[in-house]
Amino acid sequence: MASILKVNTFTGASTAGSIAVTGEGNSTTTNLQQGLAKQWSFYNQQTPAVGDSFNTGSITDSSTGVYIVNFTNNMSSTNYSANANSLDIGAYYLNVCVRATFSTSAYRVDNMRQDFSTMQDPDDSSNSAHGDLA
């Protein structure tokens, strides 16, 4: 028999910000908060314009092929994971999140042609960050 649970807020019983979810096979648990993306956005650097986003305060078009993703709510440290991918009509570009430029409030994404010849502003770029919020 199926059931529906409707709630507005989940809170951990022993720790308010910690919800454990039983994994496949019922032998492990995963912390729900750790598994959620803390930021994501869909960005067109040609325009430039943010199409849609979560916890993205703004995106700064820094230079050709380079943009800075600024968080609405900061990360707790610079030890988080960020990734990106881009597409230009007719050509694909390699993306690099430069680790040296990570801060708790932003990270940098570089877009370079696959042959490493030039930086390029992509038509569509998606990025996300996983880690702990401050």
C-alpha atoms as a PDB file:
ATOM      1  CA  MET A   1       0.000   0.000   0.000  1.00  0.00           C
ATOM      2  CA  ALA A   2       1.451   3.351  -1.054  1.00  0.00           C
ATOM      3  CA  SER A   3       1.287   6.375   1.201  1.00  0.00           C
ATOM      4  CA  ILE A   4       1.975  10.070   0.833  1.00  0.00           C
ATOM      5  CA  LEU A   5       3.874  12.117   3.396  1.00  0.00           C
ATOM      6  CA  LYS A   6       3.439  15.886   3.112  1.00  0.00           C
ATOM      7  CA  VAL A   7       5.677  18.090   5.229  1.00  0.00           C
ATOM      8  CA  ASN A   8       7.283  21.515   4.920  1.00  0.00           C
ATOM      9  CA  THR A   9      10.376  20.845   7.029  1.00  0.00           C
ATOM     10  CA  PHE A  10      12.547  17.829   7.889  1.00  0.00           C
ATOM     11  CA  THR A  11      14.600  18.098  11.064  1.00  0.00           C
ATOM     12  CA  GLY A  12      16.910  15.447  12.483  1.00  0.00           C
ATOM     13  CA  ALA A  13      15.868  13.994  15.851  1.00  0.00           C
ATOM     14  CA  SER A  14      19.331  14.033  17.457  1.00  0.00           C
ATOM     15  CA  THR A  15      20.916  16.793  15.342  1.00  0.00           C
ATOM     16  CA  ALA A  16      18.610  19.279  13.622  1.00  0.00           C
ATOM     17  CA  GLY A  17      20.710  19.568  10.453  1.00  0.00           C
ATOM     18  CA  SER A  18      21.430  15.883   9.971  1.00  0.00           C
ATOM     19  CA  ILE A  19      19.057  13.457   8.261  1.00  0.00           C
ATOM     20  CA  ALA A  20      20.296   9.906   7.547  1.00  0.00           C
ATOM     21  CA  VAL A  21      18.874   8.060   4.543  1.00  0.00           C
ATOM     22  CA  THR A  22      19.221   4.284   4.270  1.00  0.00           C
ATOM     23  CA  GLY A  23      21.046   3.366   1.066  1.00  0.00           C
ATOM     24  CA  GLU A  24      20.536   0.601  -1.438  1.00  0.00           C
ATOM     25  CA  GLY A  25      20.758  -2.857   0.091  1.00  0.00           C
ATOM     26  CA  ASN A  26      19.879  -1.475   3.547  1.00  0.00           C
ATOM     27  CA  SER A  27      23.511  -1.786   4.666  1.00  0.00           C
ATOM     28  CA  THR A  28      24.665   1.854   4.574  1.00  0.00           C
ATOM     29  CA  THR A  29      23.318   5.298   5.334  1.00  0.00           C
ATOM     30  CA  THR A  30      23.890   8.586   3.577  1.00  0.00           C
ATOM     31  CA  ASN A  31      23.620  12.016   5.145  1.00  0.00           C
ATOM     32  CA  LEU A  32      20.924  13.808   3.137  1.00  0.00           C
ATOM     33  CA  GLN A  33      22.426  17.291   3.533  1.00  0.00           C
ATOM     34  CA  GLN A  34      25.871  16.128   2.358  1.00  0.00           C
ATOM     35  CA  GLY A  35      24.403  14.731  -0.850  1.00  0.00           C
ATOM     36  CA  LEU A  36      22.623  17.884  -2.014  1.00  0.00           C
ATOM     37  CA  ALA A  37      24.073  20.442  -4.422  1.00  0.00           C
ATOM     38  CA  LYS A  38      24.662  23.643  -2.464  1.00  0.00           C
ATOM     39  CA  GLN A  39      24.759  25.788  -5.630  1.00  0.00           C
ATOM     40  CA  TRP A  40      23.954  25.374  -9.312  1.00  0.00           C
ATOM     41  CA  SER A  41      23.325  27.589 -12.301  1.00  0.00           C
ATOM     42  CA  PHE A  42      22.673  27.595 -16.031  1.00  0.00           C
ATOM     43  CA  TYR A  43      24.588  30.434 -17.683  1.00  0.00           C
ATOM     44  CA  ASN A  44      25.053  31.894 -21.164  1.00  0.00           C
ATOM     45  CA  GLN A  45      28.363  33.759 -21.302  1.00  0.00           C
ATOM     46  CA  GLN A  46      27.685  35.092 -24.810  1.00  0.00           C
ATOM     47  CA  THR A  47      24.758  37.239 -23.588  1.00  0.00           C
ATOM     48  CA  PRO A  48      25.811  37.135 -20.579  1.00  0.00           C
ATOM     49  CA  ALA A  49      22.750  35.959 -18.661  1.00  0.00           C
ATOM     50  CA  VAL A  50      21.830  33.499 -15.934  1.00  0.00           C
ATOM     51  CA  GLY A  51      18.968  31.307 -17.175  1.00  0.00           C
ATOM     52  CA  ASP A  52      18.200  29.644 -13.851  1.00  0.00           C
ATOM     53  CA  SER A  53      20.028  29.061 -10.587  1.00  0.00           C
ATOM     54  CA  PHE A  54      20.048  28.071  -6.930  1.00  0.00           C
ATOM     55  CA  ASN A  55      22.215  29.839  -4.310  1.00  0.00           C
ATOM     56  CA  THR A  56      23.907  31.829  -7.082  1.00  0.00           C
ATOM     57  CA  GLY A  57      24.072  35.492  -6.097  1.00  0.00           C
ATOM     58  CA  SER A  58      25.527  36.546  -9.429  1.00  0.00           C
ATOM     59  CA  ILE A  59      27.911  35.496 -12.158  1.00  0.00           C
ATOM     60  CA  THR A  60      30.682  37.863 -13.169  1.00  0.00           C
ATOM     61  CA  ASP A  61      31.897  37.744 -16.771  1.00  0.00           C
ATOM     62  CA  SER A  62      35.560  38.223 -15.934  1.00  0.00           C
ATOM     63  CA  SER A  63      37.112  37.951 -19.420  1.00  0.00           C
ATOM     64  CA  THR A  64      36.806  35.859 -22.581  1.00  0.00           C
ATOM     65  CA  GLY A  65      36.094  32.312 -21.465  1.00  0.00           C
ATOM     66  CA  VAL A  66      36.321  33.134 -17.756  1.00  0.00           C
ATOM     67  CA  TYR A  67      33.465  33.686 -15.347  1.00  0.00           C
ATOM     68  CA  ILE A  68      33.181  33.866 -11.569  1.00  0.00           C
ATOM     69  CA  VAL A  69      30.266  32.202  -9.768  1.00  0.00           C
ATOM     70  CA  ASN A  70      29.319  34.164  -6.631  1.00  0.00           C
ATOM     71  CA  PHE A  71      27.304  32.420  -3.909  1.00  0.00           C
ATOM     72  CA  THR A  72      24.228  33.892  -2.234  1.00  0.00           C
ATOM     73  CA  ASN A  73      25.083  31.915   0.926  1.00  0.00           C
ATOM     74  CA  ASN A  74      28.792  31.203   1.403  1.00  0.00           C
ATOM     75  CA  MET A  75      30.464  27.842   1.832  1.00  0.00           C
ATOM     76  CA  SER A  76      31.977  27.054   5.233  1.00  0.00           C
ATOM     77  CA  SER A  77      35.494  26.599   3.810  1.00  0.00           C
ATOM     78  CA  THR A  78      37.346  26.416   0.506  1.00  0.00           C
ATOM     79  CA  ASN A  79      37.253  22.600   0.685  1.00  0.00           C
ATOM     80  CA  TYR A  80      34.280  22.017  -1.597  1.00  0.00           C
ATOM     81  CA  SER A  81      33.828  20.461  -5.011  1.00  0.00           C
ATOM     82  CA  ALA A  82      32.827  22.569  -8.007  1.00  0.00           C
ATOM     83  CA  ASN A  83      32.311  21.402 -11.565  1.00  0.00           C
ATOM     84  CA  ALA A  84      31.126  22.835 -14.855  1.00  0.00           C
ATOM     85  CA  ASN A  85      30.446  21.920 -18.454  1.00  0.00           C
ATOM     86  CA  SER A  86      29.750  24.050 -21.502  1.00  0.00           C
ATOM     87  CA  LEU A  87      28.430  23.824 -25.032  1.00  0.00           C
ATOM     88  CA  ASP A  88      28.731  26.148 -27.983  1.00  0.00           C
ATOM     89  CA  ILE A  89      26.590  25.520 -31.036  1.00  0.00           C
ATOM     90  CA  GLY A  90      28.710  23.247 -33.224  1.00  0.00           C
ATOM     91  CA  ALA A  91      31.711  22.962 -30.880  1.00  0.00           C
ATOM     92  CA  TYR A  92      32.433  21.649 -27.374  1.00  0.00           C
ATOM     93  CA  TYR A  93      34.735  23.330 -24.886  1.00  0.00           C
ATOM     94  CA  LEU A  94      36.843  22.038 -22.049  1.00  0.00           C
ATOM     95  CA  ASN A  95      36.016  23.516 -18.647  1.00  0.00           C
ATOM     96  CA  VAL A  96      38.374  23.980 -15.767  1.00  0.00           C
ATOM     97  CA  CYS A  97      37.415  25.127 -12.291  1.00  0.00           C
ATOM     98  CA  VAL A  98      40.687  26.644 -11.184  1.00  0.00           C
ATOM     99  CA  ARG A  99      41.280  25.394  -7.619  1.00  0.00           C
ATOM    100  CA  ALA A 100      43.596  28.264  -6.705  1.00  0.00           C
ATOM    101  CA  THR A 101      40.729  30.730  -7.094  1.00  0.00           C
ATOM    102  CA  PHE A 102      38.224  28.967  -4.808  1.00  0.00           C
ATOM    103  CA  SER A 103      37.009  31.110  -1.932  1.00  0.00           C
ATOM    104  CA  THR A 104      34.126  30.656   0.488  1.00  0.00           C
ATOM    105  CA  SER A 105      32.094  33.170  -1.542  1.00  0.00           C
ATOM    106  CA  ALA A 106      32.958  32.300  -5.169  1.00  0.00           C
ATOM    107  CA  TYR A 107      34.777  30.075  -7.655  1.00  0.00           C
ATOM    108  CA  ARG A 108      36.179  30.590 -11.137  1.00  0.00           C
ATOM    109  CA  VAL A 109      35.296  28.645 -14.295  1.00  0.00           C
ATOM    110  CA  ASP A 110      37.604  28.718 -17.336  1.00  0.00           C
ATOM    111  CA  ASN A 111      36.278  27.680 -20.761  1.00  0.00           C
ATOM    112  CA  MET A 112      38.866  26.678 -23.327  1.00  0.00           C
ATOM    113  CA  ARG A 113      38.573  25.103 -26.755  1.00  0.00           C
ATOM    114  CA  GLN A 114      39.220  21.361 -26.782  1.00  0.00           C
ATOM    115  CA  ASP A 115      42.464  21.883 -28.677  1.00  0.00           C
ATOM    116  CA  PHE A 116      43.645  24.267 -25.893  1.00  0.00           C
ATOM    117  CA  SER A 117      44.199  27.016 -28.504  1.00  0.00           C
ATOM    118  CA  THR A 118      42.015  29.816 -27.088  1.00  0.00           C
ATOM    119  CA  MET A 119      39.637  30.758 -24.324  1.00  0.00           C
ATOM    120  CA  GLN A 120      36.019  30.861 -25.525  1.00  0.00           C
ATOM    121  CA  ASP A 121      32.724  32.269 -24.188  1.00  0.00           C
ATOM    122  CA  PRO A 122      30.262  29.355 -24.274  1.00  0.00           C
ATOM    123  CA  ASP A 123      26.621  29.643 -25.306  1.00  0.00           C
ATOM    124  CA  ASP A 124      25.429  27.362 -22.517  1.00  0.00           C
ATOM    125  CA  SER A 125      27.266  26.514 -19.319  1.00  0.00           C
ATOM    126  CA  SER A 126      26.097  24.583 -16.285  1.00  0.00           C
ATOM    127  CA  ASN A 127      27.947  24.518 -12.976  1.00  0.00           C
ATOM    128  CA  SER A 128      27.430  23.275  -9.450  1.00  0.00           C
ATOM    129  CA  ALA A 129      29.123  23.110  -6.059  1.00  0.00           C
ATOM    130  CA  HIS A 130      28.910  20.457  -3.340  1.00  0.00           C
ATOM    131  CA  GLY A 131      30.155  20.878   0.212  1.00  0.00           C
ATOM    132  CA  ASP A 132      29.134  22.484   3.513  1.00  0.00           C
ATOM    133  CA  LEU A 133      27.412  25.846   3.726  1.00  0.00           C
ATOM    134  CA  ALA A 134      28.611  28.320   6.339  1.00  0.00           C
END
